């Protein structure tokens, strides 16, 4: 399981209201949520993001409410992985539950810049900044989390 894409970089304390503004929470449609992802911080995000791209944030990514809409909007926008220094605890679990790959790696989050090309090997936890020629070590996913992500979320992983 791997990811490879161009980085969309955000800073500290990116909360769920920034990821998907509350005014759009009246829909459960994933494509509709994706069309408004990050719009209050980067109006052009939805026009720039491509399938497989990678989002990088710094400390406390996903803080705020416990809504699952936030990781759903990110995943539905085409983002294959989110890398951050730290994640809010509820966002972290919601992301895994809906099948969005996320990795904590402070060194990578600080050094990777907007527009860098990045590769992620989820089996080893190695994040490669292709643009800068640098590698960073994150904690690799345990097998049960890899299975949840590979199957597209917790509910899918429970189906026989």
Protein backbone atom coordinates (compact mmCIF):
# COMPACT_ATOMS: atom_id res chain seq x y z
CA UNK A 1 0.00 0.00 0.00
CA UNK A 2 1.54 3.28 -1.14
CA UNK A 3 0.68 6.89 -1.94
CA UNK A 4 2.34 9.24 -4.41
CA UNK A 5 1.27 12.78 -5.17
CA UNK A 6 1.72 16.51 -5.00
CA UNK A 7 1.48 18.21 -1.60
CA UNK A 8 -1.14 20.67 -0.42
CA UNK A 9 0.32 22.20 2.74
CA UNK A 10 -1.48 23.72 5.70
CA UNK A 11 -0.27 24.92 9.10
CA UNK A 12 -1.11 24.33 12.76
CA UNK A 13 -4.57 23.85 14.25
CA UNK A 14 -6.47 23.13 11.05
CA UNK A 15 -9.86 22.47 12.57
CA UNK A 16 -12.81 20.56 11.21
CA UNK A 17 -14.69 23.83 10.50
CA UNK A 18 -11.88 24.82 8.13
CA UNK A 19 -11.74 21.38 6.52
CA UNK A 20 -15.50 21.39 5.85
CA UNK A 21 -17.42 24.48 6.98
CA UNK A 22 -20.48 23.81 9.16
CA UNK A 23 -22.80 25.40 6.59
CA UNK A 24 -22.32 22.27 4.40
CA UNK A 25 -23.04 19.67 7.07
CA UNK A 26 -26.62 19.24 5.93
CA UNK A 27 -25.45 16.78 3.27
CA UNK A 28 -23.96 13.31 3.52
CA UNK A 29 -23.05 13.29 -0.19
CA UNK A 30 -19.30 12.73 -0.37
CA UNK A 31 -18.83 14.56 -3.69
CA UNK A 32 -20.75 17.57 -2.39
CA UNK A 33 -18.59 17.65 0.76
CA UNK A 34 -15.44 17.36 -1.38
CA UNK A 35 -16.53 20.34 -3.49
CA UNK A 36 -16.28 22.55 -0.38
CA UNK A 37 -13.20 20.99 1.22
CA UNK A 38 -10.77 23.60 2.62
CA UNK A 39 -12.62 26.46 0.89
CA UNK A 40 -12.43 28.82 3.87
CA UNK A 41 -8.62 28.59 3.96
CA UNK A 42 -7.86 28.00 0.24
CA UNK A 43 -10.66 28.79 -2.22
CA UNK A 44 -8.69 27.16 -5.06
CA UNK A 45 -7.98 23.88 -3.26
CA UNK A 46 -10.81 21.99 -4.99
CA UNK A 47 -9.57 23.20 -8.39
CA UNK A 48 -5.93 22.28 -7.68
CA UNK A 49 -6.28 18.90 -5.96
CA UNK A 50 -5.81 15.80 -8.10
CA UNK A 51 -6.57 12.17 -7.31
CA UNK A 52 -3.73 10.73 -5.22
CA UNK A 53 -2.40 14.07 -3.93
CA UNK A 54 -1.16 14.35 -0.37
CA UNK A 55 -2.17 16.83 2.32
CA UNK A 56 0.38 17.98 4.91
CA UNK A 57 -0.48 19.83 8.09
CA UNK A 58 1.46 20.65 11.18
CA UNK A 59 0.38 20.35 14.84
CA UNK A 60 -3.14 19.47 15.99
CA UNK A 61 -4.57 18.73 12.54
CA UNK A 62 -8.32 18.03 12.65
CA UNK A 63 -9.02 19.70 15.99
CA UNK A 64 -12.53 20.91 16.73
CA UNK A 65 -15.72 18.91 16.46
CA UNK A 66 -15.90 15.16 16.12
CA UNK A 67 -17.70 15.20 12.78
CA UNK A 68 -16.79 12.47 10.29
CA UNK A 69 -17.57 14.92 7.48
CA UNK A 70 -14.03 16.34 7.71
CA UNK A 71 -12.02 13.22 6.79
CA UNK A 72 -14.75 12.23 4.31
CA UNK A 73 -14.39 15.59 2.52
CA UNK A 74 -10.61 15.20 2.39
CA UNK A 75 -10.75 11.64 1.06
CA UNK A 76 -13.52 12.41 -1.44
CA UNK A 77 -11.51 15.36 -2.78
CA UNK A 78 -8.87 12.88 -3.98
CA UNK A 79 -6.32 13.14 -1.18
CA UNK A 80 -4.65 9.75 -0.67
CA UNK A 81 -2.88 10.52 2.60
CA UNK A 82 -2.60 13.21 5.26
CA UNK A 83 0.74 13.74 7.01
CA UNK A 84 0.91 15.95 10.10
CA UNK A 85 3.06 16.58 13.15
CA UNK A 86 0.10 15.58 15.33
CA UNK A 87 -3.60 14.89 14.84
CA UNK A 88 -6.53 15.58 17.10
CA UNK A 89 -7.46 12.24 18.64
CA UNK A 90 -11.05 12.07 17.35
CA UNK A 91 -10.04 13.15 13.83
CA UNK A 92 -7.36 10.45 13.80
CA UNK A 93 -9.86 7.71 14.60
CA UNK A 94 -12.52 9.09 12.25
CA UNK A 95 -9.97 9.14 9.42
CA UNK A 96 -9.07 5.49 9.98
CA UNK A 97 -12.76 4.57 10.30
CA UNK A 98 -13.58 6.03 6.87
CA UNK A 99 -10.40 4.65 5.25
CA UNK A 100 -8.28 7.82 4.97
CA UNK A 101 -4.58 7.08 5.45
CA UNK A 102 -2.91 9.43 7.95
CA UNK A 103 0.62 9.50 9.33
CA UNK A 104 2.17 11.46 12.17
CA UNK A 105 5.69 12.59 11.38
CA UNK A 106 6.82 15.96 12.78
CA UNK A 107 10.03 16.06 10.72
CA UNK A 108 8.19 15.46 7.43
CA UNK A 109 5.39 17.90 8.29
CA UNK A 110 7.89 20.66 8.99
CA UNK A 111 10.20 20.04 6.00
CA UNK A 112 7.73 19.25 3.20
CA UNK A 113 6.55 22.30 1.26
CA UNK A 114 3.49 23.12 -0.85
CA UNK A 115 3.88 21.60 -4.31
CA UNK A 116 6.54 19.04 -3.35
CA UNK A 117 6.21 15.57 -4.86
CA UNK A 118 5.97 12.98 -2.08
CA UNK A 119 5.81 9.19 -1.90
CA UNK A 120 4.61 7.22 1.12
CA UNK A 121 5.24 3.54 1.84
CA UNK A 122 2.65 2.54 4.43
CA UNK A 123 4.32 -0.84 5.07
CA UNK A 124 7.59 0.73 6.23
CA UNK A 125 6.37 4.20 7.26
CA UNK A 126 8.96 5.81 4.97
CA UNK A 127 7.92 9.16 3.53
CA UNK A 128 10.06 10.28 0.60
CA UNK A 129 10.17 13.89 -0.50
CA UNK A 130 11.04 13.30 -4.15
CA UNK A 131 11.44 17.05 -4.78
CA UNK A 132 14.04 17.55 -2.04
CA UNK A 133 15.55 14.06 -2.10
CA UNK A 134 14.84 13.50 1.61
CA UNK A 135 13.34 10.61 3.59
CA UNK A 136 11.48 10.70 6.88
CA UNK A 137 10.43 7.83 9.15
CA UNK A 138 6.86 7.63 10.41
CA UNK A 139 5.41 4.77 12.42
CA UNK A 140 4.08 2.22 9.91
CA UNK A 141 0.45 1.12 10.19
CA UNK A 142 -0.28 -2.06 12.11
CA UNK A 143 -1.83 -4.77 9.92
CA UNK A 144 -5.38 -4.21 11.22
CA UNK A 145 -5.27 -0.50 10.27
CA UNK A 146 -3.83 -1.34 6.82
CA UNK A 147 -6.75 -3.73 6.34
CA UNK A 148 -9.30 -1.04 7.30
CA UNK A 149 -7.73 1.50 4.92
CA UNK A 150 -7.31 -1.02 2.08
CA UNK A 151 -10.99 -1.95 2.32
CA UNK A 152 -12.10 1.70 2.31
CA UNK A 153 -13.12 2.02 5.94
CA UNK A 154 -14.11 0.17 9.08
CA UNK A 155 -17.60 -0.84 7.94
CA UNK A 156 -16.23 -2.30 4.70
CA UNK A 157 -13.56 -4.23 6.62
CA UNK A 158 -16.27 -5.93 8.71
CA UNK A 159 -18.06 -7.34 5.65
CA UNK A 160 -17.36 -10.98 4.90
